[in-house]
């Protein structure tokens, strides 16, 4: 049986930079706390989730940022934007799916499906022909999710969390 999302998806407002910064930190921590050394985790969280960066993302007309809410509580968010494509992404109109983050307590409730569906539709509306992302090769749950949504591995790259250098897949799909 396919679960139906029982919440709302809405565009994020520029005034929500602090909310999204904290939500991003929490989602990343919950997803990787068991497999990331504490020093590496803290270094990554401190360097990646900064309010001024989120403010800039929210103000950009190129950004696509949506928040999922269940019973008025933020359950996760999705952020995509045009970016320099790696060589393995051939579509010049591609958009990068930078983040699709969920609170762990909302796993299995179709929040991710609702967010990615929304991001893909918005990217299509904006004229993008494909969407790409990077995902840690050992993030089996996420990689299965992306496969379900039609993403295929087109390359790989390094990704650093603190001092931990990881291997990420680059995945892409037409939209």
Protein backbone atom coordinates (compact mmCIF):
# COMPACT_ATOMS: atom_id res chain seq x y z
CA UNK A 1 0.00 0.00 0.00
CA UNK A 2 1.33 3.44 -0.94
CA UNK A 3 1.14 6.00 1.84
CA UNK A 4 -0.44 9.32 1.09
CA UNK A 5 1.13 12.50 2.43
CA UNK A 6 -1.07 14.00 5.13
CA UNK A 7 0.31 17.47 5.42
CA UNK A 8 1.01 20.58 3.42
CA UNK A 9 3.80 21.68 1.12
CA UNK A 10 4.38 25.39 0.78
CA UNK A 11 7.00 27.79 -0.51
CA UNK A 12 9.43 28.97 2.12
CA UNK A 13 9.42 32.65 3.02
CA UNK A 14 12.58 34.81 3.32
CA UNK A 15 11.66 35.42 6.97
CA UNK A 16 12.12 31.69 7.67
CA UNK A 17 15.91 31.60 7.33
CA UNK A 18 16.44 30.74 10.98
CA UNK A 19 13.77 28.02 10.90
CA UNK A 20 15.31 26.39 7.82
CA UNK A 21 18.85 26.68 9.19
CA UNK A 22 17.86 24.86 12.37
CA UNK A 23 15.69 22.36 10.50
CA UNK A 24 18.59 21.55 8.16
CA UNK A 25 20.98 21.05 11.08
CA UNK A 26 18.51 18.81 12.86
CA UNK A 27 17.66 16.71 9.80
CA UNK A 28 21.30 16.17 8.86
CA UNK A 29 22.22 15.29 12.45
CA UNK A 30 19.35 12.83 12.82
CA UNK A 31 20.16 11.14 9.52
CA UNK A 32 23.89 10.70 10.10
CA UNK A 33 24.57 10.87 13.86
CA UNK A 34 25.14 7.11 14.05
CA UNK A 35 27.72 7.04 11.24
CA UNK A 36 29.58 10.33 11.72
CA UNK A 37 32.27 11.11 14.28
CA UNK A 38 31.10 13.90 16.64
CA UNK A 39 33.93 16.28 15.64
CA UNK A 40 33.22 15.77 11.94
CA UNK A 41 29.50 16.25 12.51
CA UNK A 42 29.96 19.50 14.42
CA UNK A 43 32.40 20.87 11.84
CA UNK A 44 29.99 20.10 9.01
CA UNK A 45 26.95 21.52 10.77
CA UNK A 46 28.80 24.72 11.70
CA UNK A 47 30.13 25.31 8.19
CA UNK A 48 27.04 24.29 6.22
CA UNK A 49 24.03 25.55 8.13
CA UNK A 50 24.45 29.28 8.60
CA UNK A 51 21.58 31.72 8.73
CA UNK A 52 23.18 34.23 6.34
CA UNK A 53 23.59 31.50 3.69
CA UNK A 54 19.97 30.47 4.05
CA UNK A 55 18.86 34.11 3.81
CA UNK A 56 20.75 34.42 0.53
CA UNK A 57 19.18 31.19 -0.80
CA UNK A 58 15.69 32.33 0.19
CA UNK A 59 16.14 35.71 -1.51
CA UNK A 60 17.40 34.25 -4.80
CA UNK A 61 14.81 34.07 -7.55
CA UNK A 62 16.66 30.99 -8.83
CA UNK A 63 16.13 29.00 -5.62
CA UNK A 64 13.32 26.49 -5.27
CA UNK A 65 12.63 25.98 -1.55
CA UNK A 66 9.55 24.26 -0.18
CA UNK A 67 8.71 23.23 3.38
CA UNK A 68 6.64 20.19 4.32
CA UNK A 69 4.46 20.55 7.40
CA UNK A 70 2.44 18.02 9.31
CA UNK A 71 -0.01 19.43 11.84
CA UNK A 72 1.75 22.82 11.56
CA UNK A 73 5.13 21.27 12.46
CA UNK A 74 8.01 21.47 9.94
CA UNK A 75 8.69 17.90 8.80
CA UNK A 76 11.35 18.68 6.19
CA UNK A 77 12.28 20.79 3.22
CA UNK A 78 13.62 20.64 -0.31
CA UNK A 79 16.04 23.09 -1.89
CA UNK A 80 17.13 23.14 -5.51
CA UNK A 81 18.82 25.72 -7.71
CA UNK A 82 20.76 26.07 -10.96
CA UNK A 83 24.41 25.15 -10.41
CA UNK A 84 27.54 24.32 -12.35
CA UNK A 85 26.94 20.79 -13.55
CA UNK A 86 29.59 18.13 -13.11
CA UNK A 87 30.83 16.71 -16.43
CA UNK A 88 28.64 13.62 -16.08
CA UNK A 89 25.45 15.76 -16.15
CA UNK A 90 25.09 16.59 -19.83
CA UNK A 91 21.83 18.61 -19.81
CA UNK A 92 22.73 22.31 -19.76
CA UNK A 93 19.24 23.13 -18.44
CA UNK A 94 19.62 20.84 -15.41
CA UNK A 95 18.87 22.04 -11.89
CA UNK A 96 20.63 20.73 -8.80
CA UNK A 97 18.62 19.20 -5.97
CA UNK A 98 20.84 20.46 -3.17
CA UNK A 99 18.83 19.18 -0.21
CA UNK A 100 15.84 17.04 0.51
CA UNK A 101 15.81 16.75 4.27
CA UNK A 102 13.30 15.13 6.59
CA UNK A 103 13.00 14.89 10.34
CA UNK A 104 13.53 11.26 11.30
CA UNK A 105 10.18 11.05 13.08
CA UNK A 106 8.47 11.66 9.72
CA UNK A 107 10.25 8.89 7.79
CA UNK A 108 7.78 6.57 6.10
CA UNK A 109 4.97 9.15 5.96
CA UNK A 110 5.41 10.11 2.27
CA UNK A 111 6.98 13.47 3.15
CA UNK A 112 9.94 12.82 0.85
CA UNK A 113 7.64 11.81 -1.99
CA UNK A 114 5.63 15.02 -1.62
CA UNK A 115 8.75 17.18 -1.48
CA UNK A 116 10.51 15.63 -4.47
CA UNK A 117 7.30 15.66 -6.50
CA UNK A 118 6.92 19.38 -5.75
CA UNK A 119 10.57 20.14 -6.59
CA UNK A 120 10.38 18.25 -9.90
CA UNK A 121 7.15 19.98 -10.91
CA UNK A 122 8.52 23.42 -10.03
CA UNK A 123 11.75 22.72 -11.96
CA UNK A 124 9.70 21.62 -14.98
CA UNK A 125 7.59 24.79 -14.74
CA UNK A 126 10.80 26.86 -14.73
CA UNK A 127 12.00 25.16 -17.92
CA UNK A 128 14.61 22.77 -16.55
CA UNK A 129 15.01 19.54 -18.51
CA UNK A 130 16.54 17.42 -15.78
CA UNK A 131 17.42 17.38 -12.12
CA UNK A 132 20.58 16.04 -10.48
CA UNK A 133 21.93 15.51 -6.99
CA UNK A 134 24.72 13.87 -5.06
CA UNK A 135 24.15 11.21 -2.42
CA UNK A 136 26.57 9.36 -0.16
CA UNK A 137 27.14 5.88 -1.53
CA UNK A 138 26.41 4.35 1.90
CA UNK A 139 23.10 6.19 2.34
CA UNK A 140 21.10 3.16 1.25
CA UNK A 141 17.72 4.52 2.29
CA UNK A 142 18.12 7.72 0.28
CA UNK A 143 19.61 5.95 -2.72
CA UNK A 144 16.66 3.53 -2.85
CA UNK A 145 14.31 6.53 -2.66
CA UNK A 146 16.07 8.25 -5.57
CA UNK A 147 15.98 5.06 -7.62
CA UNK A 148 12.22 4.80 -6.97
CA UNK A 149 11.88 8.33 -8.36
CA UNK A 150 13.74 7.45 -11.58
CA UNK A 151 17.20 8.80 -10.77
CA UNK A 152 20.17 6.90 -12.16
CA UNK A 153 23.82 7.05 -11.20
CA UNK A 154 25.74 9.05 -13.81
CA UNK A 155 28.99 9.67 -11.94
CA UNK A 156 30.65 10.17 -8.58
CA UNK A 157 32.44 12.82 -6.57
CA UNK A 158 34.08 13.36 -3.21
CA UNK A 159 32.13 14.95 -0.36
CA UNK A 160 33.67 16.10 2.91
CA UNK A 161 31.99 15.95 6.30
CA UNK A 162 34.45 17.52 8.72
CA UNK A 163 37.65 15.61 7.95
CA UNK A 164 35.83 12.54 6.61
CA UNK A 165 36.13 12.34 2.83
CA UNK A 166 33.25 10.30 1.45
CA UNK A 167 32.28 8.99 -1.95
CA UNK A 168 29.04 10.36 -3.33
CA UNK A 169 27.05 9.16 -6.30
CA UNK A 170 25.87 11.76 -8.76
CA UNK A 171 22.33 10.87 -9.80
CA UNK A 172 20.21 12.45 -12.50
CA UNK A 173 16.81 12.13 -14.15
CA UNK A 174 14.91 13.87 -16.92
CA UNK A 175 11.86 15.87 -15.88
